[in-house]
N, C-alpha and C. Protein backbone atom coordinates (compact mmCIF):
# COMPACT_ATOMS: atom_id res chain seq x y z
N GLU A 1 63.45 159.51 89.96
CA GLU A 1 64.51 158.62 89.52
C GLU A 1 64.99 158.51 90.54
N LYS A 2 65.86 159.30 91.08
CA LYS A 2 66.53 159.29 92.10
C LYS A 2 66.17 159.41 92.93
N GLU A 3 65.28 159.36 93.77
CA GLU A 3 64.50 158.59 94.36
C GLU A 3 64.40 157.44 94.49
N ASP A 4 64.01 156.47 93.52
CA ASP A 4 63.62 155.28 93.65
C ASP A 4 64.90 154.51 93.36
N GLU A 5 65.99 155.27 92.86
CA GLU A 5 67.08 154.35 93.27
C GLU A 5 67.73 154.69 94.12
N LYS A 6 67.35 155.75 94.89
CA LYS A 6 68.29 155.72 96.80
C LYS A 6 67.22 155.15 97.01
N THR A 7 66.28 154.34 97.30
CA THR A 7 65.56 153.95 97.97
C THR A 7 65.68 152.19 97.82
N ARG A 8 65.96 151.90 96.11
CA ARG A 8 66.59 150.45 96.07
C ARG A 8 68.14 150.42 96.77
N GLU A 9 68.82 151.39 96.81
CA GLU A 9 69.90 151.25 96.98
C GLU A 9 69.91 150.94 98.40
N LEU A 10 68.77 151.41 99.18
CA LEU A 10 68.78 151.75 100.94
C LEU A 10 68.30 150.06 100.80
N GLN A 11 67.48 149.70 100.52
CA GLN A 11 66.98 148.17 100.50
C GLN A 11 68.20 147.28 100.35
N ARG A 12 68.72 147.89 99.45
CA ARG A 12 69.46 146.36 98.59
C ARG A 12 70.91 146.25 99.83
N ARG A 13 70.52 147.44 100.16
CA ARG A 13 71.50 148.01 101.91
C ARG A 13 71.20 146.31 103.17
N GLU A 14 69.87 147.14 103.44
CA GLU A 14 69.51 146.37 104.44
C GLU A 14 69.02 144.80 103.59
N GLN A 15 69.13 143.97 103.05
CA GLN A 15 68.89 143.01 102.41
C GLN A 15 70.42 142.36 102.42
N GLY A 16 71.65 142.60 102.19
CA GLY A 16 72.86 142.50 102.92
C GLY A 16 73.39 142.74 104.06
N ARG A 17 72.77 143.48 105.22
CA ARG A 17 72.73 143.53 106.40
C ARG A 17 71.89 142.30 106.75
N ALA A 18 70.77 142.34 106.83
CA ALA A 18 70.13 140.51 106.44
C ALA A 18 70.37 139.64 106.74
N ILE A 19 71.37 139.02 105.39
CA ILE A 19 71.82 137.99 104.60
C ILE A 19 73.26 137.83 105.13
N GLN A 20 73.82 139.58 106.16
CA GLN A 20 75.02 138.97 106.50
C GLN A 20 74.75 138.56 108.33
N GLN A 21 73.89 138.89 108.61
CA GLN A 21 73.31 138.34 109.60
C GLN A 21 72.69 136.73 110.01
N LEU A 22 71.93 136.95 108.90
CA LEU A 22 71.85 135.18 108.71
C LEU A 22 73.03 134.43 108.61
N ARG A 23 73.94 134.75 108.11
CA ARG A 23 75.36 134.34 107.78
C ARG A 23 75.70 134.33 109.59
N GLU A 24 76.22 134.93 109.59
CA GLU A 24 76.87 134.57 111.44
C GLU A 24 76.12 133.75 111.82
N LYS A 25 74.95 133.83 112.01
CA LYS A 25 74.14 133.08 112.89
C LYS A 25 73.82 131.51 112.88
N THR A 26 73.58 131.67 111.42
CA THR A 26 73.55 130.56 110.59
C THR A 26 75.12 129.86 111.35
N GLU A 27 76.63 130.12 110.70
CA GLU A 27 77.81 130.19 111.39
C GLU A 27 78.30 129.93 113.01
N ASP A 28 77.45 130.36 113.56
CA ASP A 28 77.06 130.73 115.34
C ASP A 28 76.78 129.59 115.92
N TYR A 29 75.77 128.97 114.93
CA TYR A 29 74.67 128.35 115.57
C TYR A 29 75.64 126.47 115.05
N GLN A 30 76.52 126.88 114.01
CA GLN A 30 76.81 125.48 113.63
C GLN A 30 77.94 125.20 114.52
N ARG A 31 78.84 126.61 115.38
CA ARG A 31 79.98 126.34 116.07
C ARG A 31 79.34 125.65 117.30
N LYS A 32 78.08 126.32 117.68
CA LYS A 32 77.75 125.53 118.58
C LYS A 32 78.08 124.50 118.91
N LYS A 33 77.00 123.59 117.66
CA LYS A 33 77.17 122.39 117.57
C LYS A 33 77.72 121.63 117.17
N ALA A 34 79.13 121.99 117.21
CA ALA A 34 80.10 120.97 116.36
C ALA A 34 80.82 120.66 118.13
N SER A 35 81.05 122.46 118.66
CA SER A 35 81.52 122.01 119.90
C SER A 35 81.15 121.38 121.13
N GLU A 36 79.36 120.84 120.54
CA GLU A 36 78.48 119.95 121.65
C GLU A 36 78.65 118.77 121.13
N GLU A 37 78.51 118.50 119.70
CA GLU A 37 79.46 117.35 119.73
C GLU A 37 80.32 116.83 120.03
N ARG A 38 81.28 117.71 119.71
CA ARG A 38 82.78 117.67 120.20
C ARG A 38 82.69 116.70 121.94
N ARG A 39 82.10 118.04 122.72
CA ARG A 39 82.38 117.81 124.58
C ARG A 39 81.58 116.27 124.45
N ARG A 40 80.54 115.81 123.49
CA ARG A 40 79.46 115.08 124.14
C ARG A 40 80.37 113.50 123.85
N GLU A 41 81.14 113.74 122.26
CA GLU A 41 82.10 112.53 122.39
C GLU A 41 83.20 112.51 123.15
N ALA A 42 83.75 113.63 124.14
CA ALA A 42 84.70 113.70 124.62
C ALA A 42 84.11 112.48 125.95
N LEU A 43 83.03 113.24 126.41
CA LEU A 43 82.05 112.30 127.90
C LEU A 43 82.28 110.77 127.53
N GLU A 44 81.60 110.84 126.31
CA GLU A 44 81.40 109.26 125.73
C GLU A 44 82.76 108.55 125.65
N ASN A 45 83.98 108.64 125.75
CA ASN A 45 85.15 108.18 125.51
C ASN A 45 85.59 108.51 127.37
N LYS A 46 85.09 109.67 127.75
CA LYS A 46 85.65 109.33 129.03
C LYS A 46 84.83 108.33 129.66
N LYS A 47 83.46 108.09 129.40
CA LYS A 47 82.94 107.25 130.19
C LYS A 47 83.37 105.82 129.84
N ALA A 48 83.92 105.91 128.64
CA ALA A 48 84.23 104.00 128.18
C ALA A 48 85.38 103.80 128.78
N ARG A 49 86.76 104.92 128.75
CA ARG A 49 87.88 103.63 129.76
C ARG A 49 87.67 103.96 130.96
N ASP A 50 85.93 104.59 131.58
CA ASP A 50 86.20 104.87 132.88
C ASP A 50 85.59 103.17 132.69
N ARG A 51 84.81 102.47 132.04
CA ARG A 51 84.45 101.40 132.07
C ARG A 51 85.83 100.35 132.29
N GLN A 52 86.88 100.42 131.47
CA GLN A 52 87.18 99.71 130.79
C GLN A 52 88.11 99.47 132.12
N ARG A 53 88.88 100.55 132.81
CA ARG A 53 89.60 100.46 133.63
C ARG A 53 88.74 99.57 135.29
N GLU A 54 87.58 99.69 135.20
CA GLU A 54 86.75 98.91 135.99
C GLU A 54 87.22 97.77 135.69
N LEU A 55 86.36 97.36 134.89
CA LEU A 55 86.50 95.98 134.12
C LEU A 55 87.88 95.40 133.91
N ILE A 56 89.07 96.13 133.70
CA ILE A 56 90.46 95.48 134.41
C ILE A 56 90.83 95.41 135.35
N GLU A 57 90.65 96.50 136.86
CA GLU A 57 89.87 96.32 138.06
C GLU A 57 89.67 95.34 138.07
N GLN A 58 88.58 94.53 138.18
CA GLN A 58 87.65 93.21 138.64
C GLN A 58 88.71 92.26 138.27
N ASP A 59 89.44 92.25 136.91
CA ASP A 59 89.73 91.43 137.06
C ASP A 59 90.82 91.09 137.57
N LYS A 60 91.51 92.27 137.75
CA LYS A 60 92.65 91.51 138.66
C LYS A 60 92.76 91.55 140.02
N LYS A 61 91.50 92.03 140.64
CA LYS A 61 90.95 91.42 141.52
C LYS A 61 90.92 89.66 142.01
N GLU A 62 89.84 89.26 140.38
CA GLU A 62 89.66 87.78 140.56
C GLU A 62 90.74 87.15 140.35
N ARG A 63 91.99 87.38 139.82
CA ARG A 63 93.26 86.90 139.10
C ARG A 63 93.23 86.61 140.55
N ARG A 64 93.69 88.19 141.29
CA ARG A 64 94.39 87.77 142.83
C ARG A 64 93.88 86.50 143.72
N ALA A 65 92.22 86.25 143.62
CA ALA A 65 91.67 85.97 144.56
C ALA A 65 92.00 84.27 144.42
N ALA A 66 92.07 83.82 142.75
CA ALA A 66 92.03 83.09 142.83
C ALA A 66 93.29 82.38 142.64
N GLN A 67 94.40 83.26 142.47
CA GLN A 67 96.06 82.85 142.94
C GLN A 67 96.06 82.63 144.21
N ALA A 68 95.53 83.63 145.12
CA ALA A 68 95.46 82.74 146.96
C ALA A 68 94.92 82.29 146.97
N ALA A 69 93.38 81.52 146.15
CA ALA A 69 92.78 80.07 146.60
C ALA A 69 93.60 79.24 146.37
N GLN A 70 94.05 79.70 144.94
CA GLN A 70 94.90 78.04 144.25
C GLN A 70 96.33 77.99 145.53
N ALA A 71 96.58 78.97 145.48
CA ALA A 71 98.24 78.68 146.98
C ALA A 71 98.08 78.20 148.22
N ALA A 72 96.65 78.68 148.54
CA ALA A 72 96.27 78.51 149.53
C ALA A 72 95.83 76.74 149.67
N SER A 73 95.36 76.09 148.69
CA SER A 73 95.30 74.92 148.71
C SER A 73 96.01 73.91 148.36
N VAL A 74 97.22 74.58 147.71
CA VAL A 74 98.33 73.73 147.49
C VAL A 74 99.47 73.93 148.85
N GLN A 75 99.36 74.76 149.57
CA GLN A 75 99.98 75.16 151.36
C GLN A 75 99.57 73.71 151.82
N SER A 76 98.44 73.49 151.75
CA SER A 76 97.34 72.67 153.16
C SER A 76 97.11 71.56 151.84
N GLY A 77 97.60 71.29 151.09
CA GLY A 77 97.88 70.31 150.44
C GLY A 77 96.10 69.15 149.66
N SER A 78 95.26 70.14 150.10
CA SER A 78 94.32 69.36 149.81
C SER A 78 93.81 69.60 148.60
N GLY A 79 94.13 70.67 147.87
CA GLY A 79 93.61 71.09 146.68
C GLY A 79 93.92 69.92 145.66
N PRO A 80 93.55 70.64 144.84
CA PRO A 80 94.10 69.88 143.59
C PRO A 80 95.72 69.78 142.94
N ALA A 81 95.75 68.59 142.86
CA ALA A 81 97.36 68.80 142.51
C ALA A 81 97.93 69.38 141.27
N PRO A 82 99.14 69.79 141.23
CA PRO A 82 99.06 71.40 140.15
C PRO A 82 99.61 70.44 138.80
N LYS A 83 99.72 71.43 138.32
CA LYS A 83 99.27 70.82 136.70
C LYS A 83 100.53 70.05 136.17
N PRO A 84 100.65 68.92 135.98
CA PRO A 84 102.07 68.51 134.71
C PRO A 84 102.51 70.04 133.93
N PRO A 85 103.99 69.74 133.80
CA PRO A 85 104.32 70.80 132.14
C PRO A 85 103.52 70.20 131.16
N PRO A 86 103.19 71.71 130.13
CA PRO A 86 102.59 70.53 129.29
C PRO A 86 103.92 69.63 127.84
N ILE A 87 102.87 68.35 127.48
CA ILE A 87 103.95 67.93 126.52
C ILE A 87 104.29 68.37 125.55
N PRO A 88 105.23 68.21 124.84
CA PRO A 88 105.83 69.21 123.64
C PRO A 88 105.15 68.39 122.69
N SER A 89 104.54 69.40 121.87
CA SER A 89 103.62 68.73 120.70
C SER A 89 104.87 68.13 119.09
N GLN A 90 104.60 66.72 119.32
CA GLN A 90 105.38 66.48 118.06
C GLN A 90 105.64 67.03 116.45
N PRO A 91 106.18 66.82 115.65
CA PRO A 91 106.70 67.68 115.20
C PRO A 91 105.53 67.52 113.80
N VAL A 92 105.46 68.32 113.64
CA VAL A 92 103.89 68.60 112.23
C VAL A 92 104.59 67.48 111.07
N LYS A 93 104.46 66.42 110.66
CA LYS A 93 105.01 65.64 109.44
C LYS A 93 104.17 66.28 108.21
N ARG A 94 105.55 66.24 106.99
CA ARG A 94 104.52 67.17 105.90
C ARG A 94 103.98 65.82 105.12
N GLY A 95 103.27 66.46 104.70
CA GLY A 95 102.11 65.35 103.84
C GLY A 95 103.05 64.66 102.72
N THR A 96 102.13 63.67 102.16
CA THR A 96 102.74 63.13 100.86
C THR A 96 101.74 63.90 100.34
N TYR A 97 102.61 64.15 98.67
CA TYR A 97 101.77 64.51 97.54
C TYR A 97 102.23 63.56 97.02
N ASP A 98 101.39 63.38 95.96
CA ASP A 98 101.37 62.98 94.17
C ASP A 98 101.53 63.96 93.63
N THR A 99 100.97 65.13 93.57
CA THR A 99 101.32 65.58 92.24
C THR A 99 102.35 67.09 92.44
N VAL A 100 102.62 67.54 91.92
CA VAL A 100 103.76 68.86 91.79
C VAL A 100 103.07 69.96 91.42
N MET A 101 103.61 71.17 91.24
CA MET A 101 103.20 71.78 91.34
C MET A 101 103.95 72.99 90.33
N LEU A 102 104.78 73.17 88.98
CA LEU A 102 105.49 73.76 88.90
C LEU A 102 105.59 74.80 88.20
N ARG A 103 106.08 76.40 88.75
CA ARG A 103 105.76 77.53 88.03
C ARG A 103 107.40 77.58 86.86
N VAL A 104 106.72 77.96 85.41
CA VAL A 104 108.57 78.07 85.09
C VAL A 104 108.42 79.56 84.24
N ARG A 105 109.41 79.86 84.15
CA ARG A 105 109.85 81.67 83.84
C ARG A 105 110.23 81.04 81.72
N LEU A 106 109.79 81.37 81.07
CA LEU A 106 110.25 81.00 79.92
C LEU A 106 111.28 82.47 79.69
N LEU A 107 111.80 81.67 78.28
CA LEU A 107 113.04 83.07 78.04
C LEU A 107 112.81 84.72 77.35
N ASP A 108 111.85 84.18 77.68
CA ASP A 108 110.96 85.47 77.27
C ASP A 108 109.59 86.53 77.72
N GLY A 109 109.81 85.64 79.14
CA GLY A 109 109.81 86.68 80.40
C GLY A 109 108.26 85.93 80.92
N THR A 110 107.72 85.00 80.38
CA THR A 110 106.26 84.62 80.47
C THR A 110 106.46 84.18 81.58
N ALA A 111 105.46 83.27 81.59
CA ALA A 111 105.59 82.19 83.21
C ALA A 111 104.10 81.58 83.00
N ILE A 112 104.45 79.71 83.24
CA ILE A 112 103.11 78.96 82.79
C ILE A 112 103.61 78.10 83.86
N THR A 113 102.40 77.38 83.98
CA THR A 113 102.18 76.66 85.47
C THR A 113 101.50 75.08 84.72
N LEU A 114 102.64 74.11 84.82
CA LEU A 114 102.67 72.97 85.16
C LEU A 114 102.55 72.12 85.71
N ARG A 115 101.81 70.98 85.93
CA ARG A 115 101.51 70.25 86.73
C ARG A 115 101.76 68.92 86.54
N PHE A 116 102.77 67.78 87.51
CA PHE A 116 103.61 66.54 87.30
C PHE A 116 102.64 65.68 88.05
N SER A 117 103.46 64.65 88.02
CA SER A 117 103.45 63.55 89.31
C SER A 117 104.36 63.66 90.27
N ALA A 118 104.27 63.71 91.20
CA ALA A 118 105.46 63.52 92.19
C ALA A 118 106.65 62.44 91.27
N LYS A 119 106.23 61.62 90.81
CA LYS A 119 107.48 60.30 90.61
C LYS A 119 107.67 60.88 89.48
N ASP A 120 107.43 61.94 88.07
CA ASP A 120 108.19 62.00 87.08
C ASP A 120 109.70 62.53 86.96
N THR A 121 110.12 62.68 86.10
CA THR A 121 111.94 63.17 86.07
C THR A 121 112.11 64.27 85.83
N VAL A 122 112.58 64.64 85.68
CA VAL A 122 113.24 66.24 85.10
C VAL A 122 113.46 66.16 83.61
N GLU A 123 113.52 64.83 82.91
CA GLU A 123 113.90 64.92 81.73
C GLU A 123 112.28 64.83 81.93
N SER A 124 111.36 64.56 81.45
CA SER A 124 110.33 64.87 80.95
C SER A 124 109.82 66.29 81.79
N VAL A 125 109.83 66.58 82.25
CA VAL A 125 109.74 68.18 82.14
C VAL A 125 110.57 68.99 81.74
N GLU A 126 111.94 69.04 81.14
CA GLU A 126 112.36 69.02 80.25
C GLU A 126 111.55 69.15 78.85
N GLN A 127 111.42 67.93 78.42
CA GLN A 127 110.48 68.09 77.76
C GLN A 127 109.20 68.87 77.08
N ARG A 128 107.96 69.32 77.91
CA ARG A 128 107.63 69.47 78.19
C ARG A 128 107.46 71.14 78.36
N VAL A 129 108.97 71.78 78.89
CA VAL A 129 108.87 73.27 78.96
C VAL A 129 109.41 73.56 77.27
N ALA A 130 110.22 72.50 77.00
CA ALA A 130 110.55 72.60 74.98
C ALA A 130 109.41 72.58 74.82
N ALA A 131 108.57 71.90 74.84
CA ALA A 131 107.10 72.20 73.73
C ALA A 131 106.87 73.51 74.26
N SER A 132 106.69 74.39 74.93
CA SER A 132 105.59 75.44 75.56
C SER A 132 106.63 76.55 74.87
N LEU A 133 107.95 76.84 75.19
CA LEU A 133 108.63 77.57 73.92
C LEU A 133 108.37 77.49 72.78
N SER A 134 108.38 79.25 72.35
CA SER A 134 108.09 79.40 70.92
C SER A 134 109.65 78.56 69.88
N THR A 135 110.76 78.66 70.17
CA THR A 135 111.32 77.51 69.28
C THR A 135 111.50 76.24 69.81
N PRO A 136 110.58 75.46 69.65
CA PRO A 136 111.81 74.18 70.88
C PRO A 136 113.01 73.81 70.15
N ASP A 137 114.14 73.70 71.55
CA ASP A 137 115.28 72.87 71.57
C ASP A 137 115.33 72.43 72.85
N LEU A 138 115.45 70.90 72.85
CA LEU A 138 116.03 70.18 73.86
C LEU A 138 117.16 70.94 74.61
N HIS A 139 118.54 71.10 73.90
CA HIS A 139 119.68 71.24 74.01
C HIS A 139 119.85 72.74 74.14
N GLY A 140 119.14 73.82 74.14
CA GLY A 140 118.84 74.37 74.21
C GLY A 140 119.07 76.03 75.17
N PHE A 141 118.56 75.31 75.88
CA PHE A 141 118.55 75.73 77.58
C PHE A 141 118.67 75.32 78.52
N VAL A 142 119.13 75.67 79.19
CA VAL A 142 118.94 74.64 81.00
C VAL A 142 117.86 75.26 82.14
N LEU A 143 117.36 74.50 83.02
CA LEU A 143 116.70 74.48 84.11
C LEU A 143 116.84 74.95 85.35
N LYS A 144 116.55 76.15 86.10
CA LYS A 144 116.94 76.34 87.36
C LYS A 144 116.17 76.64 87.73
N VAL A 145 116.29 76.31 89.47
CA VAL A 145 115.50 75.94 90.04
C VAL A 145 115.60 77.52 91.27
N ILE A 146 114.66 77.98 91.97
CA ILE A 146 114.98 78.81 92.16
C ILE A 146 114.51 78.96 93.60
N PRO A 147 115.00 79.76 94.64
CA PRO A 147 115.99 80.63 94.52
C PRO A 147 117.55 80.48 94.80
N ASP A 148 117.64 79.26 94.68
CA ASP A 148 119.29 79.05 95.01
C ASP A 148 119.58 78.86 93.47
N MET A 149 119.35 78.90 92.77
CA MET A 149 119.44 78.78 91.39
C MET A 149 120.72 77.45 91.46
N LYS A 150 120.21 76.33 91.23
CA LYS A 150 120.87 74.92 91.62
C LYS A 150 120.17 74.48 89.45
N GLU A 151 121.56 74.07 88.86
CA GLU A 151 121.04 73.53 87.92
C GLU A 151 120.68 72.10 87.63
N LEU A 152 119.45 72.16 87.18
CA LEU A 152 118.89 70.81 86.48
C LEU A 152 119.42 69.89 85.25
N GLY A 153 120.78 69.99 85.61
CA GLY A 153 121.36 69.40 84.31
C GLY A 153 121.70 67.85 84.04
N PRO A 154 122.57 67.10 83.40
CA PRO A 154 122.68 65.48 82.74
C PRO A 154 122.74 64.97 84.50
N THR A 155 123.03 65.56 85.07
CA THR A 155 123.27 64.37 85.60
C THR A 155 121.73 64.18 86.90
N CYS A 156 120.80 64.79 86.40
CA CYS A 156 119.56 65.41 87.41
C CYS A 156 118.68 64.60 86.38
N GLN A 157 118.35 64.30 85.13
CA GLN A 157 117.79 63.95 84.25
C GLN A 157 116.64 62.72 84.91
N HIS A 158 117.33 61.63 85.62
CA HIS A 158 116.67 60.90 85.79
C HIS A 158 116.14 60.79 87.12
N GLN A 159 116.45 61.66 88.19
CA GLN A 159 115.97 61.85 89.10
C GLN A 159 114.56 62.13 89.36
N THR A 160 113.86 62.04 90.58
CA THR A 160 112.18 62.00 90.35
C THR A 160 112.48 63.81 91.07
N LEU A 161 111.40 64.64 90.49
CA LEU A 161 110.80 65.43 91.39
C LEU A 161 110.76 65.47 93.64
N GLU A 162 110.56 64.45 93.39
CA GLU A 162 110.73 64.92 94.76
C GLU A 162 112.05 64.01 95.12
N GLU A 163 112.92 63.17 94.81
CA GLU A 163 113.64 64.11 94.94
C GLU A 163 114.79 65.15 95.20
N ILE A 164 114.98 66.20 94.07
CA ILE A 164 115.29 67.21 94.19
C ILE A 164 114.79 67.41 95.32
N GLY A 165 112.88 68.07 95.56
CA GLY A 165 112.34 68.83 96.38
C GLY A 165 111.61 69.34 95.50
N LEU A 166 111.12 69.36 94.69
CA LEU A 166 110.28 70.07 94.09
C LEU A 166 108.84 69.99 94.64
N VAL A 167 108.89 69.04 95.49
CA VAL A 167 107.40 68.36 95.89
C VAL A 167 106.72 69.75 96.98
N PRO A 168 105.57 70.40 97.08
CA PRO A 168 104.24 69.93 96.63
C PRO A 168 104.62 70.71 95.37
N SER A 169 105.33 72.24 95.59
CA SER A 169 105.66 73.01 94.30
C SER A 169 106.93 73.46 94.05
N GLY A 170 106.80 74.26 92.69
CA GLY A 170 108.41 74.77 92.62
C GLY A 170 108.50 76.36 91.80
N THR A 171 109.31 76.73 92.00
CA THR A 171 109.96 77.29 90.22
C THR A 171 111.04 77.47 89.82
N LEU A 172 110.96 77.03 88.44
CA LEU A 172 112.30 77.19 87.61
C LEU A 172 112.23 77.99 86.83
N VAL A 173 113.12 78.36 86.59
CA VAL A 173 113.64 79.54 85.46
C VAL A 173 114.50 79.02 84.19
N VAL A 174 113.80 78.84 82.99
CA VAL A 174 114.52 78.78 81.64
C VAL A 174 115.67 79.71 81.05
N ILE A 175 116.95 79.10 81.69
CA ILE A 175 118.26 79.72 80.97
C ILE A 175 118.80 79.70 79.61
N ARG A 176 118.93 80.11 78.69
CA ARG A 176 120.09 80.08 77.78
C ARG A 176 121.57 79.02 77.61
N ARG A 177 121.81 77.57 77.34
CA ARG A 177 122.84 77.03 77.68
C ARG A 177 124.44 77.93 77.70
N GLY A 178 124.68 77.95 78.06
CA GLY A 178 125.94 78.96 77.77
C GLY A 178 126.27 80.33 78.92
N VAL A 179 124.97 80.37 79.03
CA VAL A 179 124.68 81.60 79.65
C VAL A 179 124.65 81.03 80.99
N GLN A 180 125.58 82.37 82.10
CA GLN A 180 126.18 81.87 82.86
C GLN A 180 124.68 82.70 84.36
N GLY A 181 124.26 82.20 85.12
CA GLY A 181 123.57 83.22 85.35
C GLY A 181 123.30 82.86 87.23
């Protein structure tokens, strides 16, 4: 029995050595493979950089040749006339909008999006906002324009949204009357 145990121990040790050698060979193979991959990538990168440099140099040569040809033709007077400076473009006209999209932040923090005609008045906006409030009260709140916090008070009631500058879109916040913001 001791003999069997001894031979099993020797076999176990041999198998352990074989497994260890196999692991070392595998790790060595993996290292060599990774090293070769890095070397190959480095070589490809170098070739790509060299190609880019060649293209840049070729482009520079072509530009110099074109500039020299243009300068020679201008000096001889037989070439094409120099291009006049570009005419500055006309300022872009803003489009005319028929509808206004207003985002209104209510007292409870929720926001609603409402659409109006550009010709609608502030009064009609206040009425729609009052209808959206949980406790509709036309006299209990004030509308302010974001970001300048301009109050849309009684003097603005009959102005159109276009006159106030809320076309094509704007943001309003509802504030309780008497609260300074």
